[in-house]
Amino acid sequence: MTRTVGVEVHDLALEVGGRMLIDGLSIDVGPGRVVGLVGPNGSGKSSLLRAIYRVLRPARGQVSVGRVPAASMSAKAFARTLAVVAQETPVDVALSVTDMVMLGRIPYQGALSGTSSADRAAAAAALATVDAADLADRTWPTLSGGEKQRVLLARALAQDGQVLVLDEPTNHLDVRHQFDLLRLVRGLEVTTLAALHDFNLAAEFCDDVIVLAAGAVVAAGRPSEVLVDEVVHPLFGVHVDHVRHPRTGALRLLLSAPDDTHDSTAVAGDIPSLTETKEYCP
């Protein structure tokens, strides 16, 4: 993957089944930034990502990749630019792991050209990068959840895009592979948007964090500035304190149990002092 382009979302509105999930959201993620999306369940994280990778069509607004409207790009051009690791894994088709990763090379193949040696080399390199070369000859249904997640990341790497979208990428991964995956993503130097649940992973590996609630941006900026008690407590009902890791010096967040003052219906308007707009521009 090559670091080149950013992602812009302007005045986005998403409506599904008559319900407005997002209304008037704008973000501008610069080239090469690693940005974490955090928020309570139902806050709009996955919906925003699906709009960015064109699974959901906006009711209003525009998504641009490298200043080019995503809706105007051909399917092949878009797939060469943006790669996705979504929450939903493919059905248990009897593909080999190598063939699953090779799906990431389809945007580079002509109608009659088939698989090239360059495609095979890219797939093998991607599997090695995610520490899954030993899985190459296994079939997809035989993999564990964590192994599938690593293979899906390998498929995205083989796609060789300039933007990487990750929807809860650490699901099903053990502790070591959570760190390995995000350290790998951090080293790719491509624009990355990742929905994350773990605040500490977001703090360690993300340049910026965007906090969503009720389909709106309620806070955005450096993890140390955004993952603070006045943001976290109204939305999640837990308190957060900052410490430094005694071994590495990295920021760590200590979460304490919820208290009786938490209102589980908190929405973006409950913390108006954090932002006066729904726009995030680092």
C-alpha atoms as a PDB file:
ATOM      1  CA  MET A   1       0.000   0.000   0.000  1.00  0.00           C
ATOM      2  CA  THR A   2       1.136   3.545  -0.730  1.00  0.00           C
ATOM      3  CA  ARG A   3       0.347   6.620   1.315  1.00  0.00           C
ATOM      4  CA  THR A   4      -1.198   9.189  -1.025  1.00  0.00           C
ATOM      5  CA  VAL A   5      -4.823  10.207  -0.473  1.00  0.00           C
ATOM      6  CA  GLY A   6      -7.212  11.346   2.234  1.00  0.00           C
ATOM      7  CA  VAL A   7     -10.904  10.802   2.848  1.00  0.00           C
ATOM      8  CA  GLU A   8     -13.480  13.579   3.041  1.00  0.00           C
ATOM      9  CA  VAL A   9     -17.088  13.251   4.162  1.00  0.00           C
ATOM     10  CA  HIS A  10     -19.257  16.339   3.732  1.00  0.00           C
ATOM     11  CA  ASP A  11     -22.714  16.888   5.222  1.00  0.00           C
ATOM     12  CA  LEU A  12     -23.466  13.162   5.195  1.00  0.00           C
ATOM     13  CA  ALA A  13     -26.999  11.962   5.854  1.00  0.00           C
ATOM     14  CA  LEU A  14     -27.882   8.259   5.960  1.00  0.00           C
ATOM     15  CA  GLU A  15     -31.408   6.933   6.188  1.00  0.00           C
ATOM     16  CA  VAL A  16     -32.206   3.227   6.525  1.00  0.00           C
ATOM     17  CA  GLY A  17     -35.741   1.883   6.878  1.00  0.00           C
ATOM     18  CA  GLY A  18     -37.142   5.343   7.416  1.00  0.00           C
ATOM     19  CA  ARG A  19     -34.746   6.040  10.287  1.00  0.00           C
ATOM     20  CA  MET A  20     -32.091   8.742  10.000  1.00  0.00           C
ATOM     21  CA  LEU A  21     -28.862   7.147  11.240  1.00  0.00           C
ATOM     22  CA  ILE A  22     -26.567  10.065  10.423  1.00  0.00           C
ATOM     23  CA  ASP A  23     -27.565  13.633   9.606  1.00  0.00           C
ATOM     24  CA  GLY A  24     -25.095  16.365   8.679  1.00  0.00           C
ATOM     25  CA  LEU A  25     -21.814  14.656   9.563  1.00  0.00           C
ATOM     26  CA  SER A  26     -18.533  15.938   8.108  1.00  0.00           C
ATOM     27  CA  ILE A  27     -14.977  14.695   8.576  1.00  0.00           C
ATOM     28  CA  ASP A  28     -11.737  15.321   6.712  1.00  0.00           C
ATOM     29  CA  VAL A  29      -9.004  12.747   7.271  1.00  0.00           C
ATOM     30  CA  GLY A  30      -5.619  13.708   5.889  1.00  0.00           C
ATOM     31  CA  PRO A  31      -3.411  11.369   3.852  1.00  0.00           C
ATOM     32  CA  GLY A  32      -1.614   8.774   5.930  1.00  0.00           C
ATOM     33  CA  ARG A  33      -3.512   9.469   9.155  1.00  0.00           C
ATOM     34  CA  VAL A  34      -4.660   6.560  11.316  1.00  0.00           C
ATOM     35  CA  VAL A  35      -8.029   7.577  12.757  1.00  0.00           C
ATOM     36  CA  GLY A  36     -10.060   5.577  15.246  1.00  0.00           C
ATOM     37  CA  LEU A  37     -13.845   5.779  15.435  1.00  0.00           C
ATOM     38  CA  VAL A  38     -15.257   5.109  18.886  1.00  0.00           C
ATOM     39  CA  GLY A  39     -18.748   5.398  20.284  1.00  0.00           C
ATOM     40  CA  PRO A  40     -21.507   3.443  21.986  1.00  0.00           C
ATOM     41  CA  ASN A  41     -23.341   0.691  20.122  1.00  0.00           C
ATOM     42  CA  GLY A  42     -25.657   2.286  17.599  1.00  0.00           C
ATOM     43  CA  SER A  43     -23.665   5.517  17.434  1.00  0.00           C
ATOM     44  CA  GLY A  44     -23.152   5.287  13.671  1.00  0.00           C
ATOM     45  CA  LYS A  45     -19.595   3.968  13.396  1.00  0.00           C
ATOM     46  CA  SER A  46     -20.342   1.075  11.056  1.00  0.00           C
ATOM     47  CA  SER A  47     -22.915   3.090   9.115  1.00  0.00           C
ATOM     48  CA  LEU A  48     -20.351   5.816   8.467  1.00  0.00           C
ATOM     49  CA  LEU A  49     -17.787   3.280   7.285  1.00  0.00           C
ATOM     50  CA  ARG A  50     -20.336   1.573   5.030  1.00  0.00           C
ATOM     51  CA  ALA A  51     -21.125   4.895   3.413  1.00  0.00           C
ATOM     52  CA  ILE A  52     -17.421   5.494   2.868  1.00  0.00           C
ATOM     53  CA  TYR A  53     -16.933   2.137   1.163  1.00  0.00           C
ATOM     54  CA  ARG A  54     -20.154   2.518  -0.838  1.00  0.00           C
ATOM     55  CA  VAL A  55     -22.364  -0.160   0.675  1.00  0.00           C
ATOM     56  CA  LEU A  56     -24.815   2.477   1.921  1.00  0.00           C
ATOM     57  CA  ARG A  57     -25.924   5.265  -0.401  1.00  0.00           C
ATOM     58  CA  PRO A  58     -26.163   8.679   1.268  1.00  0.00           C
ATOM     59  CA  ALA A  59     -29.519  10.420   1.383  1.00  0.00           C
ATOM     60  CA  ARG A  60     -27.519  13.641   1.276  1.00  0.00           C
ATOM     61  CA  GLY A  61     -23.917  14.724   1.199  1.00  0.00           C
ATOM     62  CA  GLN A  62     -20.802  13.330  -0.379  1.00  0.00           C
ATOM     63  CA  VAL A  63     -17.900  11.000   0.303  1.00  0.00           C
ATOM     64  CA  SER A  64     -14.657  11.804  -1.516  1.00  0.00           C
ATOM     65  CA  VAL A  65     -11.414   9.846  -1.703  1.00  0.00           C
ATOM     66  CA  GLY A  66      -8.430  11.923  -2.702  1.00  0.00           C
ATOM     67  CA  ARG A  67     -10.818  14.829  -3.455  1.00  0.00           C
ATOM     68  CA  VAL A  68     -12.613  12.663  -6.032  1.00  0.00           C
ATOM     69  CA  PRO A  69     -16.300  11.926  -5.317  1.00  0.00           C
ATOM     70  CA  ALA A  70     -16.496   8.223  -4.504  1.00  0.00           C
ATOM     71  CA  ALA A  71     -19.820   7.886  -6.339  1.00  0.00           C
ATOM     72  CA  SER A  72     -18.154   8.985  -9.582  1.00  0.00           C
ATOM     73  CA  MET A  73     -15.433   6.310  -9.487  1.00  0.00           C
ATOM     74  CA  SER A  74     -15.740   3.055 -11.396  1.00  0.00           C
ATOM     75  CA  ALA A  75     -15.913  -0.106  -9.324  1.00  0.00           C
ATOM     76  CA  LYS A  76     -12.413  -1.105 -10.418  1.00  0.00           C
ATOM     77  CA  ALA A  77     -10.890   2.305  -9.722  1.00  0.00           C
ATOM     78  CA  PHE A  78     -12.539   2.459  -6.322  1.00  0.00           C
ATOM     79  CA  ALA A  79     -11.347  -1.044  -5.424  1.00  0.00           C
ATOM     80  CA  ARG A  80      -7.798  -0.105  -6.399  1.00  0.00           C
ATOM     81  CA  THR A  81      -7.991   2.900  -4.086  1.00  0.00           C
ATOM     82  CA  LEU A  82      -9.822   1.653  -0.995  1.00  0.00           C
ATOM     83  CA  ALA A  83      -9.669  -1.730   0.744  1.00  0.00           C
ATOM     84  CA  VAL A  84     -12.036  -2.931   3.452  1.00  0.00           C
ATOM     85  CA  VAL A  85     -12.034  -5.377   6.324  1.00  0.00           C
ATOM     86  CA  ALA A  86     -15.706  -5.431   7.311  1.00  0.00           C
ATOM     87  CA  GLN A  87     -17.420  -6.908  10.357  1.00  0.00           C
ATOM     88  CA  GLU A  88     -19.318  -9.444   8.304  1.00  0.00           C
ATOM     89  CA  THR A  89     -17.094 -12.317   7.212  1.00  0.00           C
ATOM     90  CA  PRO A  90     -17.791 -14.170   3.966  1.00  0.00           C
ATOM     91  CA  VAL A  91     -19.950 -17.250   4.149  1.00  0.00           C
ATOM     92  CA  ASP A  92     -18.152 -20.541   4.652  1.00  0.00           C
ATOM     93  CA  VAL A  93     -17.391 -21.192   1.015  1.00  0.00           C
ATOM     94  CA  ALA A  94     -14.884 -23.956   0.314  1.00  0.00           C
ATOM     95  CA  LEU A  95     -12.145 -21.616  -0.900  1.00  0.00           C
ATOM     96  CA  SER A  96      -8.558 -22.073   0.074  1.00  0.00           C
ATOM     97  CA  VAL A  97      -6.982 -19.300   2.105  1.00  0.00           C
ATOM     98  CA  THR A  98      -4.766 -18.425  -0.852  1.00  0.00           C
ATOM     99  CA  ASP A  99      -7.802 -18.105  -3.115  1.00  0.00           C
ATOM    100  CA  MET A 100      -9.558 -15.947  -0.513  1.00  0.00           C
ATOM    101  CA  VAL A 101      -6.593 -13.557  -0.443  1.00  0.00           C
ATOM    102  CA  MET A 102      -6.383 -13.637  -4.244  1.00  0.00           C
ATOM    103  CA  LEU A 103      -9.834 -12.009  -4.352  1.00  0.00           C
ATOM    104  CA  GLY A 104      -8.030  -8.820  -3.428  1.00  0.00           C
ATOM    105  CA  ARG A 105      -6.209  -8.944  -6.746  1.00  0.00           C
ATOM    106  CA  ILE A 106      -9.362  -8.921  -8.913  1.00  0.00           C
ATOM    107  CA  PRO A 107      -9.231  -5.128  -9.496  1.00  0.00           C
ATOM    108  CA  TYR A 108      -5.895  -5.630 -11.257  1.00  0.00           C
ATOM    109  CA  GLN A 109      -7.007  -8.427 -13.548  1.00  0.00           C
ATOM    110  CA  GLY A 110      -8.490  -8.094 -17.007  1.00  0.00           C
ATOM    111  CA  ALA A 111     -11.530 -10.015 -18.141  1.00  0.00           C
ATOM    112  CA  LEU A 112      -9.382 -12.641 -19.851  1.00  0.00           C
ATOM    113  CA  SER A 113      -6.019 -12.256 -18.153  1.00  0.00           C
ATOM    114  CA  GLY A 114      -6.644 -14.462 -15.107  1.00  0.00           C
ATOM    115  CA  THR A 115      -4.190 -14.800 -12.251  1.00  0.00           C
ATOM    116  CA  SER A 116      -0.618 -13.677 -12.858  1.00  0.00           C
ATOM    117  CA  SER A 117       2.611 -14.511 -11.060  1.00  0.00           C
ATOM    118  CA  ALA A 118       2.533 -10.956  -9.649  1.00  0.00           C
ATOM    119  CA  ASP A 119      -0.909 -11.662  -8.174  1.00  0.00           C
ATOM    120  CA  ARG A 120       0.300 -14.868  -6.565  1.00  0.00           C
ATOM    121  CA  ALA A 121       3.361 -13.137  -5.187  1.00  0.00           C
ATOM    122  CA  ALA A 122       1.229 -10.316  -3.755  1.00  0.00           C
ATOM    123  CA  ALA A 123      -1.082 -12.812  -2.052  1.00  0.00           C
ATOM    124  CA  ALA A 124       1.820 -14.769  -0.564  1.00  0.00           C
ATOM    125  CA  ALA A 125       3.474 -11.583   0.671  1.00  0.00           C
ATOM    126  CA  ALA A 126       0.239 -10.385   2.259  1.00  0.00           C
ATOM    127  CA  LEU A 127      -0.224 -13.666   4.127  1.00  0.00           C
ATOM    128  CA  ALA A 128       3.340 -13.509   5.373  1.00  0.00           C
ATOM    129  CA  THR A 129       2.842  -9.930   6.526  1.00  0.00           C
ATOM    130  CA  VAL A 130      -0.078 -10.899   8.781  1.00  0.00           C
ATOM    131  CA  ASP A 131       1.750 -13.982  10.110  1.00  0.00           C
ATOM    132  CA  ALA A 132      -0.575 -16.356   8.281  1.00  0.00           C
ATOM    133  CA  ALA A 133       1.661 -17.966   5.661  1.00  0.00           C
ATOM    134  CA  ASP A 134       1.123 -21.323   7.348  1.00  0.00           C
ATOM    135  CA  LEU A 135      -2.610 -21.039   6.606  1.00  0.00           C
ATOM    136  CA  ALA A 136      -2.198 -20.763   2.832  1.00  0.00           C
ATOM    137  CA  ASP A 137      -3.391 -24.286   2.022  1.00  0.00           C
ATOM    138  CA  ARG A 138      -6.176 -24.416   4.599  1.00  0.00           C
ATOM    139  CA  THR A 139      -9.791 -23.958   3.531  1.00  0.00           C
ATOM    140  CA  TRP A 140     -11.799 -20.988   4.748  1.00  0.00           C
ATOM    141  CA  PRO A 141     -14.414 -22.948   6.794  1.00  0.00           C
ATOM    142  CA  THR A 142     -11.675 -24.628   8.877  1.00  0.00           C
ATOM    143  CA  LEU A 143     -10.307 -21.339  10.246  1.00  0.00           C
ATOM    144  CA  SER A 144     -10.980 -19.886  13.663  1.00  0.00           C
ATOM    145  CA  GLY A 145     -12.485 -16.417  13.979  1.00  0.00           C
ATOM    146  CA  GLY A 146      -9.085 -14.881  14.651  1.00  0.00           C
ATOM    147  CA  GLU A 147      -7.476 -16.669  11.720  1.00  0.00           C
ATOM    148  CA  LYS A 148     -10.249 -15.461   9.429  1.00  0.00           C
ATOM    149  CA  GLN A 149      -9.696 -11.893  10.588  1.00  0.00           C
ATOM    150  CA  ARG A 150      -6.009 -12.081   9.736  1.00  0.00           C
ATOM    151  CA  VAL A 151      -6.750 -13.594   6.322  1.00  0.00           C
ATOM    152  CA  LEU A 152      -9.245 -10.810   5.568  1.00  0.00           C
ATOM    153  CA  LEU A 153      -6.591  -8.259   6.430  1.00  0.00           C
ATOM    154  CA  ALA A 154      -4.206 -10.093   4.095  1.00  0.00           C
ATOM    155  CA  ARG A 155      -6.816  -9.839   1.341  1.00  0.00           C
ATOM    156  CA  ALA A 156      -7.038  -6.081   1.941  1.00  0.00           C
ATOM    157  CA  LEU A 157      -3.245  -5.768   1.840  1.00  0.00           C
ATOM    158  CA  ALA A 158      -3.110  -7.730  -1.421  1.00  0.00           C
ATOM    159  CA  GLN A 159      -5.583  -5.218  -2.834  1.00  0.00           C
ATOM    160  CA  ASP A 160      -2.831  -2.593  -2.467  1.00  0.00           C
ATOM    161  CA  GLY A 161      -5.142   0.363  -1.947  1.00  0.00           C
ATOM    162  CA  GLN A 162      -4.335   3.832  -0.656  1.00  0.00           C
ATOM    163  CA  VAL A 163      -7.070   3.851   1.988  1.00  0.00           C
ATOM    164  CA  LEU A 164      -7.811   1.097   4.478  1.00  0.00           C
ATOM    165  CA  VAL A 165     -11.187   0.835   6.240  1.00  0.00           C
ATOM    166  CA  LEU A 166     -11.422  -1.492   9.242  1.00  0.00           C
ATOM    167  CA  ASP A 167     -14.685  -2.211  11.047  1.00  0.00           C
ATOM    168  CA  GLU A 168     -13.816  -3.615  14.485  1.00  0.00           C
ATOM    169  CA  PRO A 169     -10.668  -5.319  13.174  1.00  0.00           C
ATOM    170  CA  THR A 170      -9.570  -6.749  16.537  1.00  0.00           C
ATOM    171  CA  ASN A 171     -12.726  -8.817  17.031  1.00  0.00           C
ATOM    172  CA  HIS A 172     -11.889 -12.506  17.549  1.00  0.00           C
ATOM    173  CA  LEU A 173      -8.157 -11.814  17.860  1.00  0.00           C
ATOM    174  CA  ASP A 174      -6.139 -12.847  20.895  1.00  0.00           C
ATOM    175  CA  VAL A 175      -4.178 -10.168  22.743  1.00  0.00           C
ATOM    176  CA  ARG A 176      -0.938 -10.645  20.856  1.00  0.00           C
ATOM    177  CA  HIS A 177      -2.582 -10.538  17.443  1.00  0.00           C
ATOM    178  CA  GLN A 178      -4.562  -7.425  18.383  1.00  0.00           C
ATOM    179  CA  PHE A 179      -1.275  -5.628  18.966  1.00  0.00           C
ATOM    180  CA  ASP A 180       0.345  -7.214  15.923  1.00  0.00           C
ATOM    181  CA  LEU A 181      -2.515  -6.222  13.622  1.00  0.00           C
ATOM    182  CA  LEU A 182      -2.659  -2.596  14.736  1.00  0.00           C
ATOM    183  CA  ARG A 183       1.124  -2.275  14.784  1.00  0.00           C
ATOM    184  CA  LEU A 184       1.115  -3.558  11.216  1.00  0.00           C
ATOM    185  CA  VAL A 185      -1.596  -1.100  10.195  1.00  0.00           C
ATOM    186  CA  ARG A 186       0.316   1.690  11.913  1.00  0.00           C
ATOM    187  CA  GLY A 187       3.378   0.884   9.815  1.00  0.00           C
ATOM    188  CA  LEU A 188       1.584   0.849   6.452  1.00  0.00           C
ATOM    189  CA  GLU A 189       1.570   4.655   6.169  1.00  0.00           C
ATOM    190  CA  VAL A 190      -1.781   4.714   4.396  1.00  0.00           C
ATOM    191  CA  THR A 191      -4.926   6.537   5.346  1.00  0.00           C
ATOM    192  CA  THR A 192      -6.759   4.316   7.816  1.00  0.00           C
ATOM    193  CA  LEU A 193     -10.201   4.557   9.387  1.00  0.00           C
ATOM    194  CA  ALA A 194     -10.887   1.944  12.055  1.00  0.00           C
ATOM    195  CA  ALA A 195     -13.921   1.423  14.272  1.00  0.00           C
ATOM    196  CA  LEU A 196     -12.587   0.309  17.648  1.00  0.00           C
ATOM    197  CA  HIS A 197     -14.074  -0.602  21.012  1.00  0.00           C
ATOM    198  CA  ASP A 198     -10.861  -0.741  23.012  1.00  0.00           C
ATOM    199  CA  PHE A 199      -9.889   2.756  24.167  1.00  0.00           C
ATOM    200  CA  ASN A 200      -6.333   1.718  24.971  1.00  0.00           C
ATOM    201  CA  LEU A 201      -5.742   0.323  21.501  1.00  0.00           C
ATOM    202  CA  ALA A 202      -7.140   3.536  20.039  1.00  0.00           C
ATOM    203  CA  ALA A 203      -4.895   5.610  22.291  1.00  0.00           C
ATOM    204  CA  GLU A 204      -1.766   3.671  21.382  1.00  0.00           C
ATOM    205  CA  PHE A 205      -2.162   3.231  17.654  1.00  0.00           C
ATOM    206  CA  CYS A 206      -4.302   6.108  16.361  1.00  0.00           C
ATOM    207  CA  ASP A 207      -3.127   9.583  15.407  1.00  0.00           C
ATOM    208  CA  ASP A 208      -6.615  10.905  16.079  1.00  0.00           C
ATOM    209  CA  VAL A 209      -9.862   9.644  17.554  1.00  0.00           C
ATOM    210  CA  ILE A 210     -13.377  10.641  16.493  1.00  0.00           C
ATOM    211  CA  VAL A 211     -16.121  10.007  19.045  1.00  0.00           C
ATOM    212  CA  LEU A 212     -19.588   9.437  17.611  1.00  0.00           C
ATOM    213  CA  ALA A 213     -22.956   9.443  19.352  1.00  0.00           C
ATOM    214  CA  ALA A 214     -26.402   9.393  17.750  1.00  0.00           C
ATOM    215  CA  GLY A 215     -24.849   9.774  14.315  1.00  0.00           C
ATOM    216  CA  ALA A 216     -22.895  12.934  15.123  1.00  0.00           C
ATOM    217  CA  VAL A 217     -19.312  13.834  15.964  1.00  0.00           C
ATOM    218  CA  VAL A 218     -19.188  14.868  19.619  1.00  0.00           C
ATOM    219  CA  ALA A 219     -15.407  15.082  20.021  1.00  0.00           C
ATOM    220  CA  ALA A 220     -12.360  14.681  17.795  1.00  0.00           C
ATOM    221  CA  GLY A 221      -8.629  15.111  18.134  1.00  0.00           C
ATOM    222  CA  ARG A 222      -5.611  13.473  19.732  1.00  0.00           C
ATOM    223  CA  PRO A 223      -6.473  10.450  21.887  1.00  0.00           C
ATOM    224  CA  SER A 224      -5.132  12.151  25.010  1.00  0.00           C
ATOM    225  CA  GLU A 225      -7.441  15.119  24.392  1.00  0.00           C
ATOM    226  CA  VAL A 226     -10.553  13.193  23.400  1.00  0.00           C
ATOM    227  CA  LEU A 227     -10.609  10.039  25.523  1.00  0.00           C
ATOM    228  CA  VAL A 228     -11.199  11.982  28.721  1.00  0.00           C
ATOM    229  CA  ASP A 229     -13.762  11.655  31.479  1.00  0.00           C
ATOM    230  CA  GLU A 230     -15.983  14.524  30.347  1.00  0.00           C
ATOM    231  CA  VAL A 231     -16.415  12.777  26.976  1.00  0.00           C
ATOM    232  CA  VAL A 232     -16.393   9.120  27.998  1.00  0.00           C
ATOM    233  CA  HIS A 233     -18.603   9.239  31.079  1.00  0.00           C
ATOM    234  CA  PRO A 234     -21.733  10.828  29.554  1.00  0.00           C
ATOM    235  CA  LEU A 235     -21.684   8.398  26.640  1.00  0.00           C
ATOM    236  CA  PHE A 236     -20.457   5.138  28.143  1.00  0.00           C
ATOM    237  CA  GLY A 237     -21.326   5.478  31.821  1.00  0.00           C
ATOM    238  CA  VAL A 238     -17.802   4.708  33.015  1.00  0.00           C
ATOM    239  CA  HIS A 239     -15.109   6.996  34.355  1.00  0.00           C
ATOM    240  CA  VAL A 240     -11.673   7.224  32.755  1.00  0.00           C
ATOM    241  CA  ASP A 241      -8.329   8.292  34.201  1.00  0.00           C
ATOM    242  CA  HIS A 242      -5.005   8.663  32.381  1.00  0.00           C
ATOM    243  CA  VAL A 243      -1.776   6.996  33.452  1.00  0.00           C
ATOM    244  CA  ARG A 244       1.514   6.179  31.766  1.00  0.00           C
ATOM    245  CA  HIS A 245       2.541   2.592  31.156  1.00  0.00           C
ATOM    246  CA  PRO A 246       5.438   1.802  33.515  1.00  0.00           C
ATOM    247  CA  ARG A 247       7.270  -0.208  30.868  1.00  0.00           C
ATOM    248  CA  THR A 248       6.724   1.822  27.683  1.00  0.00           C
ATOM    249  CA  GLY A 249       5.548   5.238  28.838  1.00  0.00           C
ATOM    250  CA  ALA A 250       2.539   4.997  26.524  1.00  0.00           C
ATOM    251  CA  LEU A 251      -0.787   6.533  27.502  1.00  0.00           C
ATOM    252  CA  ARG A 252      -3.084   4.081  29.267  1.00  0.00           C
ATOM    253  CA  LEU A 253      -6.693   4.601  30.243  1.00  0.00           C
ATOM    254  CA  LEU A 254      -8.015   3.244  33.520  1.00  0.00           C
ATOM    255  CA  LEU A 255     -11.747   2.629  33.421  1.00  0.00           C
ATOM    256  CA  SER A 256     -13.809   2.432  36.584  1.00  0.00           C
ATOM    257  CA  ALA A 257     -17.239   0.939  37.141  1.00  0.00           C
ATOM    258  CA  PRO A 258     -20.354   2.896  36.158  1.00  0.00           C
ATOM    259  CA  ASP A 259     -22.220   4.863  38.793  1.00  0.00           C
ATOM    260  CA  ASP A 260     -25.864   5.649  39.423  1.00  0.00           C
ATOM    261  CA  THR A 261     -25.676   9.087  37.811  1.00  0.00           C
ATOM    262  CA  HIS A 262     -25.237   7.731  34.283  1.00  0.00           C
ATOM    263  CA  ASP A 263     -28.084   8.358  31.864  1.00  0.00           C
ATOM    264  CA  SER A 264     -28.008   5.592  29.240  1.00  0.00           C
ATOM    265  CA  THR A 265     -29.912   7.842  26.820  1.00  0.00           C
ATOM    266  CA  ALA A 266     -27.021  10.303  26.478  1.00  0.00           C
ATOM    267  CA  VAL A 267     -26.669  11.741  22.984  1.00  0.00           C
ATOM    268  CA  ALA A 268     -24.460  14.254  21.253  1.00  0.00           C
ATOM    269  CA  GLY A 269     -26.355  17.217  22.671  1.00  0.00           C
ATOM    270  CA  ASP A 270     -25.511  16.209  26.239  1.00  0.00           C
ATOM    271  CA  ILE A 271     -21.939  17.511  25.884  1.00  0.00           C
ATOM    272  CA  PRO A 272     -22.308  20.769  23.927  1.00  0.00           C
ATOM    273  CA  SER A 273     -19.136  22.336  25.245  1.00  0.00           C
ATOM    274  CA  LEU A 274     -16.919  19.863  23.372  1.00  0.00           C
ATOM    275  CA  THR A 275     -17.862  20.888  19.870  1.00  0.00           C
ATOM    276  CA  GLU A 276     -20.118  23.415  18.227  1.00  0.00           C
ATOM    277  CA  THR A 277     -20.200  21.592  14.894  1.00  0.00           C
ATOM    278  CA  LYS A 278     -20.410  18.104  13.456  1.00  0.00           C
ATOM    279  CA  GLU A 279     -17.254  18.592  11.449  1.00  0.00           C
ATOM    280  CA  TYR A 280     -13.841  17.083  12.136  1.00  0.00           C
ATOM    281  CA  CYS A 281     -10.793  18.454  10.336  1.00  0.00           C
ATOM    282  CA  PRO A 282      -7.406  17.557  11.870  1.00  0.00           C
END
